């Protein structure tokens, strides 16, 4: 198992600036599996964890999900959650395959 960090968040300095008042804001990213494999240095495996977003400490997640934006090759099982806490808290075991239409979301 490998953990692949493709997040553009805290480490890249792209987090939204927080004002004096706590205001909701959106953190989103596009995941490209080819980029994740390149970052890992080998083919992705079923047990790999791909870290896509860095959520700042003391944040509240109001909603989480995914949208398919390009055709899928092969089969992918998606869990969306929090690494080290509950890896499938938001989505558990969604199966995406070549037959999954672009625009599918959860």
PDB file of N, CA and C in Angstrom:
ATOM      1  N   UNK A   1       0.842  -1.176   0.000  1.00  0.00           N
ATOM      2  CA  UNK A   1       0.000   0.000   0.000  1.00  0.00           C
ATOM      3  C   UNK A   1       0.886   1.238   0.000  1.00  0.00           C
ATOM      4  N   UNK A   2       0.492   2.208  -0.777  1.00  0.00           N
ATOM      5  CA  UNK A   2       1.219   3.481  -0.824  1.00  0.00           C
ATOM      6  C   UNK A   2       0.236   4.622  -0.634  1.00  0.00           C
ATOM      7  N   UNK A   3       0.711   5.696  -0.041  1.00  0.00           N
ATOM      8  CA  UNK A   3      -0.076   6.912   0.059  1.00  0.00           C
ATOM      9  C   UNK A   3       0.503   7.909  -0.939  1.00  0.00           C
ATOM     10  N   UNK A   4      -0.349   8.397  -1.831  1.00  0.00           N
ATOM     11  CA  UNK A   4       0.073   9.314  -2.870  1.00  0.00           C
ATOM     12  C   UNK A   4      -0.598  10.661  -2.604  1.00  0.00           C
ATOM     13  N   UNK A   5       0.197  11.690  -2.368  1.00  0.00           N
ATOM     14  CA  UNK A   5      -0.348  13.010  -2.071  1.00  0.00           C
ATOM     15  C   UNK A   5      -0.321  13.861  -3.337  1.00  0.00           C
ATOM     16  N   UNK A   6      -1.491  14.085  -3.920  1.00  0.00           N
ATOM     17  CA  UNK A   6      -1.617  14.938  -5.106  1.00  0.00           C
ATOM     18  C   UNK A   6      -2.407  16.203  -4.768  1.00  0.00           C
ATOM     19  N   UNK A   7      -2.468  16.517  -3.482  1.00  0.00           N
ATOM     20  CA  UNK A   7      -3.267  17.656  -3.033  1.00  0.00           C
ATOM     21  C   UNK A   7      -2.584  18.970  -3.365  1.00  0.00           C
ATOM     22  N   UNK A   8      -3.365  19.957  -3.792  1.00  0.00           N
ATOM     23  CA  UNK A   8      -2.808  21.270  -4.071  1.00  0.00           C
ATOM     24  C   UNK A   8      -2.927  22.216  -2.886  1.00  0.00           C
ATOM     25  N   UNK A   9      -3.288  21.692  -1.739  1.00  0.00           N
ATOM     26  CA  UNK A   9      -3.714  22.514  -0.619  1.00  0.00           C
ATOM     27  C   UNK A   9      -2.642  23.139   0.225  1.00  0.00           C
ATOM     28  N   UNK A  10      -2.614  22.810   1.501  1.00  0.00           N
ATOM     29  CA  UNK A  10      -1.820  23.514   2.497  1.00  0.00           C
ATOM     30  C   UNK A  10      -0.342  23.570   2.110  1.00  0.00           C
ATOM     31  N   UNK A  11       0.225  22.464   1.668  1.00  0.00           N
ATOM     32  CA  UNK A  11       1.647  22.464   1.343  1.00  0.00           C
ATOM     33  C   UNK A  11       1.954  23.399   0.180  1.00  0.00           C
ATOM     34  N   UNK A  12       1.030  23.581  -0.751  1.00  0.00           N
ATOM     35  CA  UNK A  12       1.270  24.436  -1.912  1.00  0.00           C
ATOM     36  C   UNK A  12       0.915  25.899  -1.632  1.00  0.00           C
ATOM     37  N   UNK A  13       0.377  26.178  -0.455  1.00  0.00           N
ATOM     38  CA  UNK A  13       0.036  27.551  -0.106  1.00  0.00           C
ATOM     39  C   UNK A  13      -1.168  28.091  -0.852  1.00  0.00           C
ATOM     40  N   UNK A  14      -2.076  27.218  -1.278  1.00  0.00           N
ATOM     41  CA  UNK A  14      -3.227  27.671  -2.052  1.00  0.00           C
ATOM     42  C   UNK A  14      -4.525  27.659  -1.252  1.00  0.00           C
ATOM     43  N   UNK A  15      -4.437  27.540   0.069  1.00  0.00           N
ATOM     44  CA  UNK A  15      -5.655  27.575   0.876  1.00  0.00           C
ATOM     45  C   UNK A  15      -6.306  28.946   0.799  1.00  0.00           C
ATOM     46  N   UNK A  16      -7.624  29.015   0.901  1.00  0.00           N
ATOM     47  CA  UNK A  16      -8.283  30.323   0.919  1.00  0.00           C
ATOM     48  C   UNK A  16      -7.845  31.129   2.132  1.00  0.00           C
ATOM     49  N   UNK A  17      -7.789  32.412   1.983  1.00  0.00           N
ATOM     50  CA  UNK A  17      -7.440  33.290   3.095  1.00  0.00           C
ATOM     51  C   UNK A  17      -8.650  33.380   4.012  1.00  0.00           C
ATOM     52  N   UNK A  18      -8.433  33.200   5.290  1.00  0.00           N
ATOM     53  CA  UNK A  18      -9.534  33.301   6.243  1.00  0.00           C
ATOM     54  C   UNK A  18      -9.658  34.736   6.727  1.00  0.00           C
ATOM     55  N   UNK A  19     -10.886  35.211   6.780  1.00  0.00           N
ATOM     56  CA  UNK A  19     -11.124  36.557   7.285  1.00  0.00           C
ATOM     57  C   UNK A  19     -11.280  36.498   8.804  1.00  0.00           C
ATOM     58  N   UNK A  20     -11.526  37.637   9.409  1.00  0.00           N
ATOM     59  CA  UNK A  20     -11.737  37.658  10.851  1.00  0.00           C
ATOM     60  C   UNK A  20     -13.006  36.924  11.244  1.00  0.00           C
ATOM     61  N   UNK A  21     -13.976  36.902  10.338  1.00  0.00           N
ATOM     62  CA  UNK A  21     -15.219  36.170  10.584  1.00  0.00           C
ATOM     63  C   UNK A  21     -15.101  34.802   9.935  1.00  0.00           C
ATOM     64  N   UNK A  22     -15.615  33.787  10.605  1.00  0.00           N
ATOM     65  CA  UNK A  22     -15.609  32.451  10.022  1.00  0.00           C
ATOM     66  C   UNK A  22     -16.670  32.385   8.930  1.00  0.00           C
ATOM     67  N   UNK A  23     -16.233  32.173   7.711  1.00  0.00           N
ATOM     68  CA  UNK A  23     -17.134  32.112   6.565  1.00  0.00           C
ATOM     69  C   UNK A  23     -16.930  30.782   5.854  1.00  0.00           C
ATOM     70  N   UNK A  24     -18.012  30.151   5.413  1.00  0.00           N
ATOM     71  CA  UNK A  24     -17.839  28.910   4.659  1.00  0.00           C
ATOM     72  C   UNK A  24     -17.165  29.189   3.317  1.00  0.00           C
ATOM     73  N   UNK A  25     -16.365  28.243   2.872  1.00  0.00           N
ATOM     74  CA  UNK A  25     -15.739  28.347   1.564  1.00  0.00           C
ATOM     75  C   UNK A  25     -15.556  26.947   1.001  1.00  0.00           C
ATOM     76  N   UNK A  26     -15.290  26.866  -0.261  1.00  0.00           N
ATOM     77  CA  UNK A  26     -15.164  25.588  -0.960  1.00  0.00           C
ATOM     78  C   UNK A  26     -13.699  25.267  -1.188  1.00  0.00           C
ATOM     79  N   UNK A  27     -13.335  24.030  -0.910  1.00  0.00           N
ATOM     80  CA  UNK A  27     -12.025  23.509  -1.284  1.00  0.00           C
ATOM     81  C   UNK A  27     -12.311  22.362  -2.249  1.00  0.00           C
ATOM     82  N   UNK A  28     -11.748  22.440  -3.448  1.00  0.00           N
ATOM     83  CA  UNK A  28     -11.985  21.385  -4.425  1.00  0.00           C
ATOM     84  C   UNK A  28     -10.712  21.152  -5.231  1.00  0.00           C
ATOM     85  N   UNK A  29     -10.635  19.988  -5.852  1.00  0.00           N
ATOM     86  CA  UNK A  29      -9.478  19.642  -6.673  1.00  0.00           C
ATOM     87  C   UNK A  29      -9.910  18.651  -7.739  1.00  0.00           C
ATOM     88  N   UNK A  30      -9.141  18.594  -8.805  1.00  0.00           N
ATOM     89  CA  UNK A  30      -9.361  17.602  -9.856  1.00  0.00           C
ATOM     90  C   UNK A  30      -8.290  16.529  -9.709  1.00  0.00           C
ATOM     91  N   UNK A  31      -8.713  15.277  -9.654  1.00  0.00           N
ATOM     92  CA  UNK A  31      -7.792  14.151  -9.548  1.00  0.00           C
ATOM     93  C   UNK A  31      -7.629  13.510 -10.914  1.00  0.00           C
ATOM     94  N   UNK A  32      -6.404  13.394 -11.376  1.00  0.00           N
ATOM     95  CA  UNK A  32      -6.086  12.690 -12.615  1.00  0.00           C
ATOM     96  C   UNK A  32      -5.319  11.439 -12.194  1.00  0.00           C
ATOM     97  N   UNK A  33      -5.870  10.251 -12.473  1.00  0.00           N
ATOM     98  CA  UNK A  33      -5.230   9.013 -12.036  1.00  0.00           C
ATOM     99  C   UNK A  33      -3.857   8.822 -12.669  1.00  0.00           C
ATOM    100  N   UNK A  34      -3.663   9.300 -13.901  1.00  0.00           N
ATOM    101  CA  UNK A  34      -2.347   9.203 -14.542  1.00  0.00           C
ATOM    102  C   UNK A  34      -1.318  10.036 -13.778  1.00  0.00           C
ATOM    103  N   UNK A  35      -1.718  11.223 -13.334  1.00  0.00           N
ATOM    104  CA  UNK A  35      -0.822  12.073 -12.543  1.00  0.00           C
ATOM    105  C   UNK A  35      -0.506  11.414 -11.205  1.00  0.00           C
ATOM    106  N   UNK A  36      -1.505  10.788 -10.587  1.00  0.00           N
ATOM    107  CA  UNK A  36      -1.286  10.097  -9.313  1.00  0.00           C
ATOM    108  C   UNK A  36      -0.296   8.950  -9.491  1.00  0.00           C
ATOM    109  N   UNK A  37      -0.412   8.195 -10.590  1.00  0.00           N
ATOM    110  CA  UNK A  37       0.526   7.094 -10.858  1.00  0.00           C
ATOM    111  C   UNK A  37       1.932   7.630 -11.086  1.00  0.00           C
ATOM    112  N   UNK A  38       2.044   8.743 -11.807  1.00  0.00           N
ATOM    113  CA  UNK A  38       3.354   9.359 -12.038  1.00  0.00           C
ATOM    114  C   UNK A  38       3.962   9.832 -10.719  1.00  0.00           C
ATOM    115  N   UNK A  39       3.136  10.452  -9.875  1.00  0.00           N
ATOM    116  CA  UNK A  39       3.604  10.921  -8.567  1.00  0.00           C
ATOM    117  C   UNK A  39       4.080   9.746  -7.719  1.00  0.00           C
ATOM    118  N   UNK A  40       3.353   8.632  -7.777  1.00  0.00           N
ATOM    119  CA  UNK A  40       3.723   7.436  -7.021  1.00  0.00           C
ATOM    120  C   UNK A  40       4.996   6.816  -7.580  1.00  0.00           C
ATOM    121  N   UNK A  41       5.143   6.859  -8.894  1.00  0.00           N
ATOM    122  CA  UNK A  41       6.319   6.263  -9.521  1.00  0.00           C
ATOM    123  C   UNK A  41       6.080   4.863 -10.033  1.00  0.00           C
ATOM    124  N   UNK A  42       4.856   4.362  -9.914  1.00  0.00           N
ATOM    125  CA  UNK A  42       4.483   3.041 -10.435  1.00  0.00           C
ATOM    126  C   UNK A  42       2.968   2.997 -10.574  1.00  0.00           C
ATOM    127  N   UNK A  43       2.467   1.888 -11.084  1.00  0.00           N
ATOM    128  CA  UNK A  43       1.023   1.743 -11.274  1.00  0.00           C
ATOM    129  C   UNK A  43       0.302   1.810  -9.932  1.00  0.00           C
ATOM    130  N   UNK A  44      -0.902   2.359  -9.956  1.00  0.00           N
ATOM    131  CA  UNK A  44      -1.716   2.413  -8.745  1.00  0.00           C
ATOM    132  C   UNK A  44      -2.215   1.017  -8.408  1.00  0.00           C
ATOM    133  N   UNK A  45      -2.320   0.730  -7.127  1.00  0.00           N
ATOM    134  CA  UNK A  45      -2.806  -0.562  -6.645  1.00  0.00           C
ATOM    135  C   UNK A  45      -4.106  -0.359  -5.887  1.00  0.00           C
ATOM    136  N   UNK A  46      -4.848  -1.442  -5.721  1.00  0.00           N
ATOM    137  CA  UNK A  46      -6.154  -1.380  -5.066  1.00  0.00           C
ATOM    138  C   UNK A  46      -6.063  -0.860  -3.633  1.00  0.00           C
ATOM    139  N   UNK A  47      -4.930  -1.043  -2.979  1.00  0.00           N
ATOM    140  CA  UNK A  47      -4.799  -0.621  -1.578  1.00  0.00           C
ATOM    141  C   UNK A  47      -4.198   0.764  -1.418  1.00  0.00           C
ATOM    142  N   UNK A  48      -3.890   1.445  -2.521  1.00  0.00           N
ATOM    143  CA  UNK A  48      -3.301   2.780  -2.440  1.00  0.00           C
ATOM    144  C   UNK A  48      -4.295   3.792  -1.897  1.00  0.00           C
ATOM    145  N   UNK A  49      -3.792   4.759  -1.168  1.00  0.00           N
ATOM    146  CA  UNK A  49      -4.566   5.896  -0.675  1.00  0.00           C
ATOM    147  C   UNK A  49      -4.089   7.108  -1.452  1.00  0.00           C
ATOM    148  N   UNK A  50      -5.014   7.819  -2.087  1.00  0.00           N
ATOM    149  CA  UNK A  50      -4.661   9.018  -2.829  1.00  0.00           C
ATOM    150  C   UNK A  50      -5.213  10.212  -2.059  1.00  0.00           C
ATOM    151  N   UNK A  51      -4.323  11.014  -1.503  1.00  0.00           N
ATOM    152  CA  UNK A  51      -4.732  12.203  -0.764  1.00  0.00           C
ATOM    153  C   UNK A  51      -4.939  13.333  -1.765  1.00  0.00           C
ATOM    154  N   UNK A  52      -6.176  13.827  -1.843  1.00  0.00           N
ATOM    155  CA  UNK A  52      -6.526  14.816  -2.859  1.00  0.00           C
ATOM    156  C   UNK A  52      -6.668  16.215  -2.269  1.00  0.00           C
ATOM    157  N   UNK A  53      -7.164  16.337  -1.066  1.00  0.00           N
ATOM    158  CA  UNK A  53      -7.365  17.653  -0.449  1.00  0.00           C
ATOM    159  C   UNK A  53      -6.702  17.713   0.916  1.00  0.00           C
ATOM    160  N   UNK A  54      -6.146  18.839   1.238  1.00  0.00           N
ATOM    161  CA  UNK A  54      -5.672  19.118   2.588  1.00  0.00           C
ATOM    162  C   UNK A  54      -6.722  20.011   3.240  1.00  0.00           C
ATOM    163  N   UNK A  55      -7.381  19.495   4.247  1.00  0.00           N
ATOM    164  CA  UNK A  55      -8.406  20.261   4.954  1.00  0.00           C
ATOM    165  C   UNK A  55      -7.756  20.858   6.202  1.00  0.00           C
ATOM    166  N   UNK A  56      -7.831  22.179   6.376  1.00  0.00           N
ATOM    167  CA  UNK A  56      -7.193  22.800   7.542  1.00  0.00           C
ATOM    168  C   UNK A  56      -7.763  22.271   8.863  1.00  0.00           C
ATOM    169  N   UNK A  57      -6.937  22.260   9.885  1.00  0.00           N
ATOM    170  CA  UNK A  57      -7.371  21.846  11.219  1.00  0.00           C
ATOM    171  C   UNK A  57      -8.545  22.707  11.669  1.00  0.00           C
ATOM    172  N   UNK A  58      -9.388  22.144  12.497  1.00  0.00           N
ATOM    173  CA  UNK A  58     -10.549  22.804  13.071  1.00  0.00           C
ATOM    174  C   UNK A  58     -11.570  23.227  12.023  1.00  0.00           C
ATOM    175  N   UNK A  59     -11.606  22.512  10.901  1.00  0.00           N
ATOM    176  CA  UNK A  59     -12.609  22.763   9.854  1.00  0.00           C
ATOM    177  C   UNK A  59     -13.791  21.836  10.039  1.00  0.00           C
ATOM    178  N   UNK A  60     -14.931  22.235   9.519  1.00  0.00           N
ATOM    179  CA  UNK A  60     -16.121  21.405   9.496  1.00  0.00           C
ATOM    180  C   UNK A  60     -16.440  21.141   8.031  1.00  0.00           C
ATOM    181  N   UNK A  61     -16.532  19.872   7.667  1.00  0.00           N
ATOM    182  CA  UNK A  61     -16.869  19.506   6.292  1.00  0.00           C
ATOM    183  C   UNK A  61     -18.382  19.389   6.197  1.00  0.00           C
ATOM    184  N   UNK A  62     -18.990  20.242   5.390  1.00  0.00           N
ATOM    185  CA  UNK A  62     -20.439  20.242   5.244  1.00  0.00           C
ATOM    186  C   UNK A  62     -20.900  19.282   4.152  1.00  0.00           C
ATOM    187  N   UNK A  63     -20.048  19.037   3.181  1.00  0.00           N
ATOM    188  CA  UNK A  63     -20.409  18.173   2.064  1.00  0.00           C
ATOM    189  C   UNK A  63     -19.130  17.665   1.419  1.00  0.00           C
ATOM    190  N   UNK A  64     -19.178  16.445   0.873  1.00  0.00           N
ATOM    191  CA  UNK A  64     -18.019  15.881   0.170  1.00  0.00           C
ATOM    192  C   UNK A  64     -18.535  14.950  -0.903  1.00  0.00           C
ATOM    193  N   UNK A  65     -17.797  14.835  -1.997  1.00  0.00           N
ATOM    194  CA  UNK A  65     -18.222  13.932  -3.056  1.00  0.00           C
ATOM    195  C   UNK A  65     -17.259  13.940  -4.219  1.00  0.00           C
ATOM    196  N   UNK A  66     -17.716  13.393  -5.347  1.00  0.00           N
ATOM    197  CA  UNK A  66     -16.911  13.359  -6.555  1.00  0.00           C
ATOM    198  C   UNK A  66     -17.807  13.543  -7.768  1.00  0.00           C
ATOM    199  N   UNK A  67     -17.189  13.913  -8.887  1.00  0.00           N
ATOM    200  CA  UNK A  67     -17.865  13.963 -10.184  1.00  0.00           C
ATOM    201  C   UNK A  67     -16.906  13.401 -11.223  1.00  0.00           C
ATOM    202  N   UNK A  68     -17.388  12.507 -12.075  1.00  0.00           N
ATOM    203  CA  UNK A  68     -16.574  11.941 -13.143  1.00  0.00           C
ATOM    204  C   UNK A  68     -16.548  12.960 -14.278  1.00  0.00           C
ATOM    205  N   UNK A  69     -15.329  13.406 -14.651  1.00  0.00           N
ATOM    206  CA  UNK A  69     -15.201  14.430 -15.688  1.00  0.00           C
ATOM    207  C   UNK A  69     -14.547  13.910 -16.963  1.00  0.00           C
ATOM    208  N   UNK A  70     -14.118  12.653 -16.965  1.00  0.00           N
ATOM    209  CA  UNK A  70     -13.506  12.055 -18.153  1.00  0.00           C
ATOM    210  C   UNK A  70     -13.795  10.559 -18.140  1.00  0.00           C
ATOM    211  N   UNK A  71     -13.719   9.943 -19.306  1.00  0.00           N
ATOM    212  CA  UNK A  71     -13.968   8.505 -19.416  1.00  0.00           C
ATOM    213  C   UNK A  71     -13.006   7.726 -18.517  1.00  0.00           C
ATOM    214  N   UNK A  72     -13.485   6.638 -17.955  1.00  0.00           N
ATOM    215  CA  UNK A  72     -12.697   5.808 -17.049  1.00  0.00           C
ATOM    216  C   UNK A  72     -12.238   4.561 -17.785  1.00  0.00           C
ATOM    217  N   UNK A  73     -10.984   4.217 -17.605  1.00  0.00           N
ATOM    218  CA  UNK A  73     -10.436   2.984 -18.162  1.00  0.00           C
ATOM    219  C   UNK A  73     -10.249   2.005 -17.016  1.00  0.00           C
ATOM    220  N   UNK A  74     -10.802   0.819 -17.142  1.00  0.00           N
ATOM    221  CA  UNK A  74     -10.698  -0.153 -16.055  1.00  0.00           C
ATOM    222  C   UNK A  74     -11.743   0.110 -14.990  1.00  0.00           C
ATOM    223  N   UNK A  75     -11.558  -0.507 -13.835  1.00  0.00           N
ATOM    224  CA  UNK A  75     -12.488  -0.357 -12.715  1.00  0.00           C
ATOM    225  C   UNK A  75     -11.801   0.366 -11.566  1.00  0.00           C
ATOM    226  N   UNK A  76     -12.557   1.223 -10.895  1.00  0.00           N
ATOM    227  CA  UNK A  76     -12.047   1.974  -9.751  1.00  0.00           C
ATOM    228  C   UNK A  76     -13.099   1.888  -8.650  1.00  0.00           C
ATOM    229  N   UNK A  77     -12.670   1.597  -7.440  1.00  0.00           N
ATOM    230  CA  UNK A  77     -13.559   1.659  -6.285  1.00  0.00           C
ATOM    231  C   UNK A  77     -13.190   2.906  -5.499  1.00  0.00           C
ATOM    232  N   UNK A  78     -14.184   3.733  -5.202  1.00  0.00           N
ATOM    233  CA  UNK A  78     -13.937   5.025  -4.556  1.00  0.00           C
ATOM    234  C   UNK A  78     -14.513   5.034  -3.143  1.00  0.00           C
ATOM    235  N   UNK A  79     -13.661   5.401  -2.201  1.00  0.00           N
ATOM    236  CA  UNK A  79     -14.082   5.724  -0.846  1.00  0.00           C
ATOM    237  C   UNK A  79     -13.691   7.182  -0.630  1.00  0.00           C
ATOM    238  N   UNK A  80     -14.579   7.974  -0.060  1.00  0.00           N
ATOM    239  CA  UNK A  80     -14.257   9.362   0.252  1.00  0.00           C
ATOM    240  C   UNK A  80     -14.424   9.537   1.749  1.00  0.00           C
ATOM    241  N   UNK A  81     -13.346   9.951   2.388  1.00  0.00           N
ATOM    242  CA  UNK A  81     -13.378  10.127   3.826  1.00  0.00           C
ATOM    243  C   UNK A  81     -12.154  10.853   4.306  1.00  0.00           C
ATOM    244  N   UNK A  82     -11.785  10.597   5.542  1.00  0.00           N
ATOM    245  CA  UNK A  82     -10.666  11.270   6.170  1.00  0.00           C
ATOM    246  C   UNK A  82      -9.601  10.233   6.503  1.00  0.00           C
ATOM    247  N   UNK A  83      -8.423  10.386   5.906  1.00  0.00           N
ATOM    248  CA  UNK A  83      -7.334   9.449   6.138  1.00  0.00           C
ATOM    249  C   UNK A  83      -6.996   9.386   7.620  1.00  0.00           C
ATOM    250  N   UNK A  84      -6.904   8.179   8.141  1.00  0.00           N
ATOM    251  CA  UNK A  84      -6.535   7.990   9.538  1.00  0.00           C
ATOM    252  C   UNK A  84      -7.680   8.105  10.517  1.00  0.00           C
ATOM    253  N   UNK A  85      -8.847   8.528  10.039  1.00  0.00           N
ATOM    254  CA  UNK A  85      -9.999   8.656  10.935  1.00  0.00           C
ATOM    255  C   UNK A  85     -11.124   7.746  10.448  1.00  0.00           C
ATOM    256  N   UNK A  86     -11.675   8.031   9.272  1.00  0.00           N
ATOM    257  CA  UNK A  86     -12.713   7.202   8.669  1.00  0.00           C
ATOM    258  C   UNK A  86     -12.611   7.373   7.157  1.00  0.00           C
ATOM    259  N   UNK A  87     -11.884   6.468   6.514  1.00  0.00           N
ATOM    260  CA  UNK A  87     -11.549   6.606   5.090  1.00  0.00           C
ATOM    261  C   UNK A  87     -12.754   6.500   4.164  1.00  0.00           C
ATOM    262  N   UNK A  88     -13.894   6.035   4.659  1.00  0.00           N
ATOM    263  CA  UNK A  88     -15.091   5.956   3.818  1.00  0.00           C
ATOM    264  C   UNK A  88     -16.284   6.628   4.479  1.00  0.00           C
ATOM    265  N   UNK A  89     -16.021   7.687   5.208  1.00  0.00           N
ATOM    266  CA  UNK A  89     -17.051   8.407   5.946  1.00  0.00           C
ATOM    267  C   UNK A  89     -18.140   8.984   5.040  1.00  0.00           C
ATOM    268  N   UNK A  90     -17.763   9.537   3.877  1.00  0.00           N
ATOM    269  CA  UNK A  90     -18.724  10.205   3.007  1.00  0.00           C
ATOM    270  C   UNK A  90     -19.233   9.307   1.889  1.00  0.00           C
ATOM    271  N   UNK A  91     -18.349   8.529   1.282  1.00  0.00           N
ATOM    272  CA  UNK A  91     -18.732   7.593   0.220  1.00  0.00           C
ATOM    273  C   UNK A  91     -17.999   6.289   0.476  1.00  0.00           C
ATOM    274  N   UNK A  92     -18.727   5.173   0.443  1.00  0.00           N
ATOM    275  CA  UNK A  92     -18.146   3.874   0.739  1.00  0.00           C
ATOM    276  C   UNK A  92     -18.347   2.918  -0.429  1.00  0.00           C
ATOM    277  N   UNK A  93     -17.268   2.606  -1.127  1.00  0.00           N
ATOM    278  CA  UNK A  93     -17.291   1.543  -2.126  1.00  0.00           C
ATOM    279  C   UNK A  93     -18.022   1.855  -3.412  1.00  0.00           C
ATOM    280  N   UNK A  94     -18.006   3.090  -3.879  1.00  0.00           N
ATOM    281  CA  UNK A  94     -18.617   3.399  -5.180  1.00  0.00           C
ATOM    282  C   UNK A  94     -17.750   2.777  -6.268  1.00  0.00           C
ATOM    283  N   UNK A  95     -18.351   2.004  -7.155  1.00  0.00           N
ATOM    284  CA  UNK A  95     -17.607   1.366  -8.229  1.00  0.00           C
ATOM    285  C   UNK A  95     -17.783   2.165  -9.507  1.00  0.00           C
ATOM    286  N   UNK A  96     -16.667   2.603 -10.066  1.00  0.00           N
ATOM    287  CA  UNK A  96     -16.663   3.331 -11.325  1.00  0.00           C
ATOM    288  C   UNK A  96     -15.966   2.457 -12.357  1.00  0.00           C
ATOM    289  N   UNK A  97     -16.521   2.396 -13.561  1.00  0.00           N
ATOM    290  CA  UNK A  97     -15.952   1.551 -14.610  1.00  0.00           C
ATOM    291  C   UNK A  97     -16.102   2.270 -15.950  1.00  0.00           C
ATOM    292  N   UNK A  98     -15.642   1.611 -17.023  1.00  0.00           N
ATOM    293  CA  UNK A  98     -15.708   2.207 -18.369  1.00  0.00           C
ATOM    294  C   UNK A  98     -17.146   2.591 -18.726  1.00  0.00           C
ATOM    295  N   UNK A  99     -18.127   1.890 -18.186  1.00  0.00           N
ATOM    296  CA  UNK A  99     -19.521   2.181 -18.494  1.00  0.00           C
ATOM    297  C   UNK A  99     -20.069   3.364 -17.699  1.00  0.00           C
ATOM    298  N   UNK A 100     -19.290   3.886 -16.744  1.00  0.00           N
ATOM    299  CA  UNK A 100     -19.735   5.016 -15.939  1.00  0.00           C
ATOM    300  C   UNK A 100     -19.723   6.279 -16.805  1.00  0.00           C
ATOM    301  N   UNK A 101     -20.858   6.932 -16.904  1.00  0.00           N
ATOM    302  CA  UNK A 101     -20.983   8.115 -17.763  1.00  0.00           C
ATOM    303  C   UNK A 101     -20.279   9.322 -17.168  1.00  0.00           C
ATOM    304  N   UNK A 102     -19.665  10.111 -18.047  1.00  0.00           N
ATOM    305  CA  UNK A 102     -19.112  11.397 -17.617  1.00  0.00           C
ATOM    306  C   UNK A 102     -20.275  12.232 -17.086  1.00  0.00           C
ATOM    307  N   UNK A 103     -20.058  12.871 -15.955  1.00  0.00           N
ATOM    308  CA  UNK A 103     -21.118  13.636 -15.308  1.00  0.00           C
ATOM    309  C   UNK A 103     -21.727  12.897 -14.132  1.00  0.00           C
ATOM    310  N   UNK A 104     -21.397  11.611 -13.970  1.00  0.00           N
ATOM    311  CA  UNK A 104     -21.869  10.857 -12.815  1.00  0.00           C
ATOM    312  C   UNK A 104     -21.253  11.470 -11.549  1.00  0.00           C
ATOM    313  N   UNK A 105     -22.025  11.566 -10.503  1.00  0.00           N
ATOM    314  CA  UNK A 105     -21.516  12.151  -9.279  1.00  0.00           C
ATOM    315  C   UNK A 105     -22.137  11.495  -8.064  1.00  0.00           C
ATOM    316  N   UNK A 106     -21.496  11.708  -6.923  1.00  0.00           N
ATOM    317  CA  UNK A 106     -22.033  11.250  -5.630  1.00  0.00           C
ATOM    318  C   UNK A 106     -21.522  12.187  -4.570  1.00  0.00           C
TER     319      UNK A 106
END
